[in-house]
All heavy atoms as atom14 arrays in JSON, in Angstrom:
{
  "sequence": "HSLRFIGAVQARTLFVDSLARADLPAQCQVVQISPLLRELILTSFS",
  "atom14_mask": [
    [1, 1, 1, 1, 1, 1, 1, 1, 1, 1, 0, 0, 0, 0],
    [1, 1, 1, 1, 1, 1, 0, 0, 0, 0, 0, 0, 0, 0],
    [1, 1, 1, 1, 1, 1, 1, 1, 0, 0, 0, 0, 0, 0],
    [1, 1, 1, 1, 1, 1, 1, 1, 1, 1, 1, 0, 0, 0],
    [1, 1, 1, 1, 1, 1, 1, 1, 1, 1, 1, 0, 0, 0],
    [1, 1, 1, 1, 1, 1, 1, 1, 0, 0, 0, 0, 0, 0],
    [1, 1, 1, 1, 0, 0, 0, 0, 0, 0, 0, 0, 0, 0],
    [1, 1, 1, 1, 1, 0, 0, 0, 0, 0, 0, 0, 0, 0],
    [1, 1, 1, 1, 1, 1, 1, 0, 0, 0, 0, 0, 0, 0],
    [1, 1, 1, 1, 1, 1, 1, 1, 1, 0, 0, 0, 0, 0],
    [1, 1, 1, 1, 1, 0, 0, 0, 0, 0, 0, 0, 0, 0],
    [1, 1, 1, 1, 1, 1, 1, 1, 1, 1, 1, 0, 0, 0],
    [1, 1, 1, 1, 1, 1, 1, 0, 0, 0, 0, 0, 0, 0],
    [1, 1, 1, 1, 1, 1, 1, 1, 0, 0, 0, 0, 0, 0],
    [1, 1, 1, 1, 1, 1, 1, 1, 1, 1, 1, 0, 0, 0],
    [1, 1, 1, 1, 1, 1, 1, 0, 0, 0, 0, 0, 0, 0],
    [1, 1, 1, 1, 1, 1, 1, 1, 0, 0, 0, 0, 0, 0],
    [1, 1, 1, 1, 1, 1, 0, 0, 0, 0, 0, 0, 0, 0],
    [1, 1, 1, 1, 1, 1, 1, 1, 0, 0, 0, 0, 0, 0],
    [1, 1, 1, 1, 1, 0, 0, 0, 0, 0, 0, 0, 0, 0],
    [1, 1, 1, 1, 1, 1, 1, 1, 1, 1, 1, 0, 0, 0],
    [1, 1, 1, 1, 1, 0, 0, 0, 0, 0, 0, 0, 0, 0],
    [1, 1, 1, 1, 1, 1, 1, 1, 0, 0, 0, 0, 0, 0],
    [1, 1, 1, 1, 1, 1, 1, 1, 0, 0, 0, 0, 0, 0],
    [1, 1, 1, 1, 1, 1, 1, 0, 0, 0, 0, 0, 0, 0],
    [1, 1, 1, 1, 1, 0, 0, 0, 0, 0, 0, 0, 0, 0],
    [1, 1, 1, 1, 1, 1, 1, 1, 1, 0, 0, 0, 0, 0],
    [1, 1, 1, 1, 1, 1, 0, 0, 0, 0, 0, 0, 0, 0],
    [1, 1, 1, 1, 1, 1, 1, 1, 1, 0, 0, 0, 0, 0],
    [1, 1, 1, 1, 1, 1, 1, 0, 0, 0, 0, 0, 0, 0],
    [1, 1, 1, 1, 1, 1, 1, 0, 0, 0, 0, 0, 0, 0],
    [1, 1, 1, 1, 1, 1, 1, 1, 1, 0, 0, 0, 0, 0],
    [1, 1, 1, 1, 1, 1, 1, 1, 0, 0, 0, 0, 0, 0],
    [1, 1, 1, 1, 1, 1, 0, 0, 0, 0, 0, 0, 0, 0],
    [1, 1, 1, 1, 1, 1, 1, 0, 0, 0, 0, 0, 0, 0],
    [1, 1, 1, 1, 1, 1, 1, 1, 0, 0, 0, 0, 0, 0],
    [1, 1, 1, 1, 1, 1, 1, 1, 0, 0, 0, 0, 0, 0],
    [1, 1, 1, 1, 1, 1, 1, 1, 1, 1, 1, 0, 0, 0],
    [1, 1, 1, 1, 1, 1, 1, 1, 1, 0, 0, 0, 0, 0],
    [1, 1, 1, 1, 1, 1, 1, 1, 0, 0, 0, 0, 0, 0],
    [1, 1, 1, 1, 1, 1, 1, 1, 0, 0, 0, 0, 0, 0],
    [1, 1, 1, 1, 1, 1, 1, 1, 0, 0, 0, 0, 0, 0],
    [1, 1, 1, 1, 1, 1, 1, 0, 0, 0, 0, 0, 0, 0],
    [1, 1, 1, 1, 1, 1, 0, 0, 0, 0, 0, 0, 0, 0],
    [1, 1, 1, 1, 1, 1, 1, 1, 1, 1, 1, 0, 0, 0],
    [1, 1, 1, 1, 1, 1, 0, 0, 0, 0, 0, 0, 0, 0]
  ],
  "atom14_positions": [
    [[-12.79, -4.96, 109.51], [-13.22, -6.11, 108.71], [-12.82, -7.41, 109.38], [-11.89, -7.46, 110.18], [-12.62, -6.05, 107.3], [-11.13, -6.05, 107.29], [-10.36, -4.93, 107.55], [-10.23, -7.06, 107.05], [-9.08, -5.23, 107.47], [-8.96, -6.53, 107.18], [0.0, 0.0, 0.0], [0.0, 0.0, 0.0], [0.0, 0.0, 0.0], [0.0, 0.0, 0.0]],
    [[-13.54, -8.47, 109.04], [-13.18, -9.82, 109.46], [-13.03, -10.68, 108.21], [-13.57, -10.35, 107.15], [-14.24, -10.41, 110.4], [-15.5, -10.49, 109.74], [0.0, 0.0, 0.0], [0.0, 0.0, 0.0], [0.0, 0.0, 0.0], [0.0, 0.0, 0.0], [0.0, 0.0, 0.0], [0.0, 0.0, 0.0], [0.0, 0.0, 0.0], [0.0, 0.0, 0.0]],
    [[-12.3, -11.79, 108.34], [-12.01, -12.66, 107.21], [-12.39, -14.09, 107.54], [-12.19, -14.55, 108.66], [-10.52, -12.6, 106.85], [-9.91, -11.23, 106.55], [-8.41, -11.35, 106.36], [-10.55, -10.61, 105.32], [0.0, 0.0, 0.0], [0.0, 0.0, 0.0], [0.0, 0.0, 0.0], [0.0, 0.0, 0.0], [0.0, 0.0, 0.0], [0.0, 0.0, 0.0]],
    [[-12.94, -14.78, 106.54], [-13.2, -16.22, 106.65], [-12.65, -16.89, 105.41], [-12.78, -16.36, 104.3], [-14.7, -16.5, 106.78], [-15.03, -17.96, 107.04], [-16.49, -18.13, 107.46], [-17.39, -17.9, 106.34], [-17.82, -18.86, 105.52], [-17.4, -20.12, 105.68], [-18.65, -18.59, 104.54], [0.0, 0.0, 0.0], [0.0, 0.0, 0.0], [0.0, 0.0, 0.0]],
    [[-12.02, -18.06, 105.59], [-11.31, -18.71, 104.5], [-11.99, -20.03, 104.14], [-12.24, -20.87, 105.01], [-9.85, -18.92, 104.89], [-9.15, -17.64, 105.25], [-9.08, -17.22, 106.57], [-8.63, -16.82, 104.27], [-8.47, -16.03, 106.91], [-8.02, -15.62, 104.58], [-7.94, -15.22, 105.91], [0.0, 0.0, 0.0], [0.0, 0.0, 0.0], [0.0, 0.0, 0.0]],
    [[-12.3, -20.18, 102.85], [-13.0, -21.37, 102.35], [-12.04, -22.14, 101.46], [-11.51, -21.59, 100.48], [-14.27, -20.99, 101.57], [-15.24, -20.22, 102.49], [-14.95, -22.22, 101.0], [-15.32, -18.76, 102.24], [0.0, 0.0, 0.0], [0.0, 0.0, 0.0], [0.0, 0.0, 0.0], [0.0, 0.0, 0.0], [0.0, 0.0, 0.0], [0.0, 0.0, 0.0]],
    [[-11.79, -23.4, 101.8], [-10.78, -24.17, 101.1], [-9.4, -23.82, 101.62], [-9.24, -23.01, 102.54], [0.0, 0.0, 0.0], [0.0, 0.0, 0.0], [0.0, 0.0, 0.0], [0.0, 0.0, 0.0], [0.0, 0.0, 0.0], [0.0, 0.0, 0.0], [0.0, 0.0, 0.0], [0.0, 0.0, 0.0], [0.0, 0.0, 0.0], [0.0, 0.0, 0.0]],
    [[-8.38, -24.42, 101.03], [-7.0, -24.09, 101.39], [-6.62, -22.81, 100.68], [-6.56, -22.75, 99.45], [-6.06, -25.22, 100.98], [0.0, 0.0, 0.0], [0.0, 0.0, 0.0], [0.0, 0.0, 0.0], [0.0, 0.0, 0.0], [0.0, 0.0, 0.0], [0.0, 0.0, 0.0], [0.0, 0.0, 0.0], [0.0, 0.0, 0.0], [0.0, 0.0, 0.0]],
    [[-6.38, -21.75, 101.44], [-6.17, -20.41, 100.88], [-4.7, -20.02, 100.98], [-4.1, -20.07, 102.06], [-7.03, -19.36, 101.61], [-6.7, -17.95, 101.11], [-8.51, -19.66, 101.43], [0.0, 0.0, 0.0], [0.0, 0.0, 0.0], [0.0, 0.0, 0.0], [0.0, 0.0, 0.0], [0.0, 0.0, 0.0], [0.0, 0.0, 0.0], [0.0, 0.0, 0.0]],
    [[-4.14, -19.65, 99.86], [-2.83, -19.0, 99.82], [-3.09, -17.51, 99.59], [-3.49, -17.11, 98.49], [-1.97, -19.56, 98.7], [-1.56, -21.01, 98.9], [-0.72, -21.53, 97.75], [-0.94, -21.16, 96.6], [0.23, -22.38, 98.04], [0.0, 0.0, 0.0], [0.0, 0.0, 0.0], [0.0, 0.0, 0.0], [0.0, 0.0, 0.0], [0.0, 0.0, 0.0]],
    [[-2.9, -16.71, 100.62], [-3.18, -15.27, 100.54], [-1.87, -14.51, 100.42], [-0.94, -14.73, 101.21], [-3.96, -14.8, 101.76], [0.0, 0.0, 0.0], [0.0, 0.0, 0.0], [0.0, 0.0, 0.0], [0.0, 0.0, 0.0], [0.0, 0.0, 0.0], [0.0, 0.0, 0.0], [0.0, 0.0, 0.0], [0.0, 0.0, 0.0], [0.0, 0.0, 0.0]],
    [[-1.81, -13.65, 99.44], [-0.65, -12.77, 99.25], [-1.15, -11.34, 99.36], [-1.94, -10.88, 98.51], [0.01, -13.03, 97.89], [0.46, -14.48, 97.69], [1.51, -14.88, 98.7], [1.93, -16.28, 98.6], [1.51, -17.25, 99.39], [0.63, -16.98, 100.36], [1.95, -18.48, 99.26], [0.0, 0.0, 0.0], [0.0, 0.0, 0.0], [0.0, 0.0, 0.0]],
    [[-0.74, -10.65, 100.41], [-1.3, -9.35, 100.75], [-0.28, -8.24, 100.57], [0.88, -8.37, 100.98], [-1.81, -9.35, 102.21], [-2.81, -10.36, 102.36], [-2.4, -8.01, 102.58], [0.0, 0.0, 0.0], [0.0, 0.0, 0.0], [0.0, 0.0, 0.0], [0.0, 0.0, 0.0], [0.0, 0.0, 0.0], [0.0, 0.0, 0.0], [0.0, 0.0, 0.0]],
    [[-0.74, -7.15, 99.96], [0.05, -5.93, 99.87], [-0.54, -4.91, 100.84], [-1.73, -4.59, 100.77], [0.0, -5.35, 98.45], [0.57, -6.2, 97.32], [0.43, -5.45, 96.0], [2.03, -6.57, 97.58], [0.0, 0.0, 0.0], [0.0, 0.0, 0.0], [0.0, 0.0, 0.0], [0.0, 0.0, 0.0], [0.0, 0.0, 0.0], [0.0, 0.0, 0.0]],
    [[0.28, -4.41, 101.75], [-0.1, -3.3, 102.61], [0.45, -2.03, 101.97], [1.65, -1.96, 101.65], [0.43, -3.5, 104.02], [-0.22, -4.66, 104.73], [0.36, -5.91, 104.72], [-1.43, -4.48, 105.37], [-0.25, -6.99, 105.36], [-2.06, -5.56, 106.01], [-1.46, -6.81, 106.0], [0.0, 0.0, 0.0], [0.0, 0.0, 0.0], [0.0, 0.0, 0.0]],
    [[-0.41, -1.04, 101.79], [-0.08, 0.11, 100.95], [-0.33, 1.41, 101.71], [-1.41, 1.61, 102.29], [-0.93, 0.1, 99.65], [-0.52, 1.26, 98.74], [-0.79, -1.23, 98.92], [0.0, 0.0, 0.0], [0.0, 0.0, 0.0], [0.0, 0.0, 0.0], [0.0, 0.0, 0.0], [0.0, 0.0, 0.0], [0.0, 0.0, 0.0], [0.0, 0.0, 0.0]],
    [[0.64, 2.29, 101.68], [0.47, 3.63, 102.23], [-0.63, 4.33, 101.43], [-0.54, 4.46, 100.21], [1.78, 4.4, 102.13], [1.7, 5.79, 102.74], [0.59, 6.27, 103.05], [2.77, 6.42, 102.89], [0.0, 0.0, 0.0], [0.0, 0.0, 0.0], [0.0, 0.0, 0.0], [0.0, 0.0, 0.0], [0.0, 0.0, 0.0], [0.0, 0.0, 0.0]],
    [[-1.68, 4.77, 102.11], [-2.81, 5.39, 101.41], [-2.44, 6.66, 100.68], [-3.17, 7.11, 99.79], [-3.93, 5.69, 102.42], [-4.38, 4.49, 103.03], [0.0, 0.0, 0.0], [0.0, 0.0, 0.0], [0.0, 0.0, 0.0], [0.0, 0.0, 0.0], [0.0, 0.0, 0.0], [0.0, 0.0, 0.0], [0.0, 0.0, 0.0], [0.0, 0.0, 0.0]],
    [[-1.32, 7.26, 101.04], [-0.88, 8.49, 100.38], [0.14, 8.21, 99.28], [0.67, 9.15, 98.68], [-0.28, 9.45, 101.41], [-1.21, 9.86, 102.56], [-0.48, 10.79, 103.52], [-2.47, 10.53, 102.02], [0.0, 0.0, 0.0], [0.0, 0.0, 0.0], [0.0, 0.0, 0.0], [0.0, 0.0, 0.0], [0.0, 0.0, 0.0], [0.0, 0.0, 0.0]],
    [[0.41, 6.93, 98.99], [1.41, 6.61, 97.97], [0.95, 7.05, 96.58], [1.78, 7.34, 95.71], [1.69, 5.11, 97.97], [0.0, 0.0, 0.0], [0.0, 0.0, 0.0], [0.0, 0.0, 0.0], [0.0, 0.0, 0.0], [0.0, 0.0, 0.0], [0.0, 0.0, 0.0], [0.0, 0.0, 0.0], [0.0, 0.0, 0.0], [0.0, 0.0, 0.0]],
    [[-0.36, 7.05, 96.35], [-0.95, 7.57, 95.13], [-2.22, 8.31, 95.52], [-2.99, 7.84, 96.35], [-1.3, 6.46, 94.13], [-0.11, 5.77, 93.49], [0.6, 6.69, 92.5], [1.66, 6.0, 91.78], [2.9, 5.85, 92.21], [3.23, 6.33, 93.42], [3.82, 5.25, 91.49], [0.0, 0.0, 0.0], [0.0, 0.0, 0.0], [0.0, 0.0, 0.0]],
    [[-2.47, 9.45, 94.89], [-3.62, 10.26, 95.27], [-4.94, 9.62, 94.88], [-5.97, 9.9, 95.49], [-3.51, 11.64, 94.62], [0.0, 0.0, 0.0], [0.0, 0.0, 0.0], [0.0, 0.0, 0.0], [0.0, 0.0, 0.0], [0.0, 0.0, 0.0], [0.0, 0.0, 0.0], [0.0, 0.0, 0.0], [0.0, 0.0, 0.0], [0.0, 0.0, 0.0]],
    [[-4.94, 8.74, 93.87], [-6.18, 8.2, 93.35], [-6.33, 6.7, 93.57], [-6.92, 6.0, 92.76], [-6.33, 8.52, 91.86], [-5.12, 8.09, 91.04], [-4.11, 7.69, 91.65], [-5.19, 8.16, 89.8], [0.0, 0.0, 0.0], [0.0, 0.0, 0.0], [0.0, 0.0, 0.0], [0.0, 0.0, 0.0], [0.0, 0.0, 0.0], [0.0, 0.0, 0.0]],
    [[-5.8, 6.19, 94.67], [-6.05, 4.8, 95.03], [-7.54, 4.62, 95.36], [-8.2, 5.57, 95.78], [-5.2, 4.39, 96.24], [-3.7, 4.25, 95.98], [-2.95, 4.08, 97.31], [-3.4, 3.09, 95.05], [0.0, 0.0, 0.0], [0.0, 0.0, 0.0], [0.0, 0.0, 0.0], [0.0, 0.0, 0.0], [0.0, 0.0, 0.0], [0.0, 0.0, 0.0]],
    [[-8.11, 3.42, 95.15], [-9.54, 3.23, 95.4], [-9.93, 3.64, 96.82], [-9.2, 3.38, 97.78], [-9.75, 1.73, 95.17], [-8.64, 1.34, 94.24], [-7.47, 2.19, 94.62], [0.0, 0.0, 0.0], [0.0, 0.0, 0.0], [0.0, 0.0, 0.0], [0.0, 0.0, 0.0], [0.0, 0.0, 0.0], [0.0, 0.0, 0.0], [0.0, 0.0, 0.0]],
    [[-11.11, 4.26, 96.93], [-11.57, 4.75, 98.23], [-12.61, 3.84, 98.86], [-13.04, 4.08, 99.99], [-12.16, 6.16, 98.06], [0.0, 0.0, 0.0], [0.0, 0.0, 0.0], [0.0, 0.0, 0.0], [0.0, 0.0, 0.0], [0.0, 0.0, 0.0], [0.0, 0.0, 0.0], [0.0, 0.0, 0.0], [0.0, 0.0, 0.0], [0.0, 0.0, 0.0]],
    [[-13.04, 2.78, 98.13], [-14.08, 1.89, 98.62], [-13.57, 0.44, 98.62], [-12.69, 0.08, 97.84], [-15.33, 1.98, 97.74], [-15.89, 3.38, 97.58], [-16.44, 3.95, 98.87], [-16.92, 3.19, 99.72], [-16.38, 5.26, 99.04], [0.0, 0.0, 0.0], [0.0, 0.0, 0.0], [0.0, 0.0, 0.0], [0.0, 0.0, 0.0], [0.0, 0.0, 0.0]],
    [[-14.17, -0.39, 99.49], [-13.91, -1.82, 99.42], [-14.44, -2.35, 98.09], [-15.54, -1.96, 97.66], [-14.62, -2.54, 100.57], [-14.05, -2.12, 102.21], [0.0, 0.0, 0.0], [0.0, 0.0, 0.0], [0.0, 0.0, 0.0], [0.0, 0.0, 0.0], [0.0, 0.0, 0.0], [0.0, 0.0, 0.0], [0.0, 0.0, 0.0], [0.0, 0.0, 0.0]],
    [[-13.7, -3.23, 97.45], [-14.16, -3.8, 96.19], [-13.37, -5.05, 95.85], [-12.18, -5.14, 96.13], [-14.02, -2.77, 95.06], [-12.66, -2.12, 94.94], [-12.68, -0.81, 94.16], [-13.64, -0.06, 94.2], [-11.62, -0.56, 93.42], [0.0, 0.0, 0.0], [0.0, 0.0, 0.0], [0.0, 0.0, 0.0], [0.0, 0.0, 0.0], [0.0, 0.0, 0.0]],
    [[-14.07, -6.04, 95.26], [-13.41, -7.22, 94.73], [-12.9, -6.87, 93.34], [-13.61, -6.25, 92.54], [-14.38, -8.42, 94.65], [-13.69, -9.64, 94.04], [-14.89, -8.77, 96.05], [0.0, 0.0, 0.0], [0.0, 0.0, 0.0], [0.0, 0.0, 0.0], [0.0, 0.0, 0.0], [0.0, 0.0, 0.0], [0.0, 0.0, 0.0], [0.0, 0.0, 0.0]],
    [[-11.66, -7.25, 93.04], [-11.03, -6.79, 91.82], [-10.38, -7.94, 91.05], [-10.02, -8.97, 91.63], [-9.96, -5.72, 92.12], [-10.58, -4.47, 92.72], [-8.88, -6.28, 93.05], [0.0, 0.0, 0.0], [0.0, 0.0, 0.0], [0.0, 0.0, 0.0], [0.0, 0.0, 0.0], [0.0, 0.0, 0.0], [0.0, 0.0, 0.0], [0.0, 0.0, 0.0]],
    [[-10.26, -7.73, 89.77], [-9.53, -8.66, 88.92], [-8.02, -8.4, 89.08], [-7.59, -7.24, 89.15], [-9.95, -8.47, 87.45], [-9.34, -9.45, 86.49], [-9.94, -10.84, 86.65], [-10.86, -11.04, 87.41], [-9.4, -11.8, 85.93], [0.0, 0.0, 0.0], [0.0, 0.0, 0.0], [0.0, 0.0, 0.0], [0.0, 0.0, 0.0], [0.0, 0.0, 0.0]],
    [[-7.24, -9.44, 89.16], [-5.78, -9.33, 89.24], [-5.21, -9.71, 87.88], [-5.33, -10.85, 87.43], [-5.21, -10.26, 90.33], [-5.83, -9.94, 91.7], [-3.68, -10.14, 90.39], [-5.5, -8.58, 92.24], [0.0, 0.0, 0.0], [0.0, 0.0, 0.0], [0.0, 0.0, 0.0], [0.0, 0.0, 0.0], [0.0, 0.0, 0.0], [0.0, 0.0, 0.0]],
    [[-4.61, -8.75, 87.22], [-4.04, -9.0, 85.89], [-2.81, -9.89, 86.0], [-2.18, -9.97, 87.07], [-3.66, -7.69, 85.22], [-2.55, -7.1, 85.9], [0.0, 0.0, 0.0], [0.0, 0.0, 0.0], [0.0, 0.0, 0.0], [0.0, 0.0, 0.0], [0.0, 0.0, 0.0], [0.0, 0.0, 0.0], [0.0, 0.0, 0.0], [0.0, 0.0, 0.0]],
    [[-2.45, -10.59, 84.93], [-1.21, -11.39, 84.96], [0.0, -10.55, 85.35], [0.88, -11.01, 86.08], [-1.11, -11.92, 83.54], [-2.52, -11.99, 83.05], [-3.2, -10.79, 83.67], [0.0, 0.0, 0.0], [0.0, 0.0, 0.0], [0.0, 0.0, 0.0], [0.0, 0.0, 0.0], [0.0, 0.0, 0.0], [0.0, 0.0, 0.0], [0.0, 0.0, 0.0]],
    [[0.05, -9.29, 84.87], [1.18, -8.42, 85.22], [1.22, -8.15, 86.71], [2.27, -8.3, 87.35], [1.07, -7.1, 84.45], [2.07, -6.01, 84.85], [3.51, -6.48, 84.64], [1.8, -4.72, 84.08], [0.0, 0.0, 0.0], [0.0, 0.0, 0.0], [0.0, 0.0, 0.0], [0.0, 0.0, 0.0], [0.0, 0.0, 0.0], [0.0, 0.0, 0.0]],
    [[0.07, -7.77, 87.29], [0.05, -7.46, 88.72], [0.35, -8.7, 89.54], [1.05, -8.63, 90.56], [-1.31, -6.87, 89.11], [-1.44, -6.46, 90.58], [-0.34, -5.49, 91.0], [-2.82, -5.87, 90.85], [0.0, 0.0, 0.0], [0.0, 0.0, 0.0], [0.0, 0.0, 0.0], [0.0, 0.0, 0.0], [0.0, 0.0, 0.0], [0.0, 0.0, 0.0]],
    [[-0.16, -9.87, 89.12], [0.13, -11.1, 89.85], [1.64, -11.35, 89.93], [2.18, -11.67, 91.0], [-0.56, -12.28, 89.17], [-0.33, -13.6, 89.89], [-1.08, -14.74, 89.23], [-0.59, -15.01, 87.88], [-1.3, -14.84, 86.77], [-2.53, -14.36, 86.83], [-0.79, -15.11, 85.59], [0.0, 0.0, 0.0], [0.0, 0.0, 0.0], [0.0, 0.0, 0.0]],
    [[2.34, -11.19, 88.81], [3.79, -11.41, 88.81], [4.51, -10.34, 89.61], [5.51, -10.62, 90.29], [4.3, -11.45, 87.37], [3.8, -12.63, 86.55], [4.09, -13.97, 87.22], [5.2, -14.14, 87.74], [3.19, -14.83, 87.23], [0.0, 0.0, 0.0], [0.0, 0.0, 0.0], [0.0, 0.0, 0.0], [0.0, 0.0, 0.0], [0.0, 0.0, 0.0]],
    [[4.0, -9.11, 89.56], [4.61, -8.04, 90.35], [4.46, -8.3, 91.85], [5.39, -8.04, 92.63], [3.99, -6.69, 89.99], [4.37, -6.11, 88.63], [3.47, -4.92, 88.29], [5.84, -5.67, 88.62], [0.0, 0.0, 0.0], [0.0, 0.0, 0.0], [0.0, 0.0, 0.0], [0.0, 0.0, 0.0], [0.0, 0.0, 0.0], [0.0, 0.0, 0.0]],
    [[3.29, -8.81, 92.25], [3.08, -9.13, 93.66], [4.08, -10.19, 94.11], [4.72, -10.06, 95.17], [1.64, -9.61, 93.9], [0.65, -8.45, 93.72], [1.49, -10.2, 95.31], [-0.81, -8.87, 93.74], [0.0, 0.0, 0.0], [0.0, 0.0, 0.0], [0.0, 0.0, 0.0], [0.0, 0.0, 0.0], [0.0, 0.0, 0.0], [0.0, 0.0, 0.0]],
    [[4.23, -11.24, 93.32], [5.18, -12.29, 93.68], [6.61, -11.75, 93.73], [7.39, -12.1, 94.62], [5.08, -13.44, 92.67], [3.74, -14.18, 92.65], [3.73, -15.25, 91.55], [3.44, -14.81, 94.0], [0.0, 0.0, 0.0], [0.0, 0.0, 0.0], [0.0, 0.0, 0.0], [0.0, 0.0, 0.0], [0.0, 0.0, 0.0], [0.0, 0.0, 0.0]],
    [[6.95, -10.88, 92.79], [8.3, -10.31, 92.75], [8.55, -9.39, 93.94], [9.69, -9.29, 94.43], [8.5, -9.53, 91.44], [8.26, -10.39, 90.33], [9.91, -8.97, 91.33], [0.0, 0.0, 0.0], [0.0, 0.0, 0.0], [0.0, 0.0, 0.0], [0.0, 0.0, 0.0], [0.0, 0.0, 0.0], [0.0, 0.0, 0.0], [0.0, 0.0, 0.0]],
    [[7.5, -8.74, 94.43], [7.68, -7.77, 95.52], [8.21, -8.41, 96.79], [8.78, -7.72, 97.64], [6.35, -7.05, 95.8], [5.4, -7.94, 96.37], [0.0, 0.0, 0.0], [0.0, 0.0, 0.0], [0.0, 0.0, 0.0], [0.0, 0.0, 0.0], [0.0, 0.0, 0.0], [0.0, 0.0, 0.0], [0.0, 0.0, 0.0], [0.0, 0.0, 0.0]],
    [[8.04, -9.73, 96.95], [8.53, -10.39, 98.15], [10.06, -10.41, 98.22], [10.63, -10.59, 99.28], [7.99, -11.82, 98.23], [6.54, -11.88, 98.63], [5.55, -11.9, 97.67], [6.18, -11.87, 99.96], [4.21, -11.94, 98.02], [4.84, -11.91, 100.33], [3.86, -11.95, 99.36], [0.0, 0.0, 0.0], [0.0, 0.0, 0.0], [0.0, 0.0, 0.0]],
    [[10.72, -10.22, 97.08], [12.17, -10.19, 97.07], [12.74, -8.78, 97.17], [13.96, -8.6, 97.19], [12.69, -10.85, 95.78], [12.3, -10.11, 94.64], [0.0, 0.0, 0.0], [0.0, 0.0, 0.0], [0.0, 0.0, 0.0], [0.0, 0.0, 0.0], [0.0, 0.0, 0.0], [0.0, 0.0, 0.0], [0.0, 0.0, 0.0], [0.0, 0.0, 0.0]]
  ]
}
């Protein structure tokens, strides 16, 4: 994949072991980020 950024982008990326869960999504998809997941992502940096 390639990426292009429109506007000033603050990207917070999770790299995930594909075997960490058996039923992780198998296709590329744009997804909604719940308030819970957003806070968990920010917390994961610590």
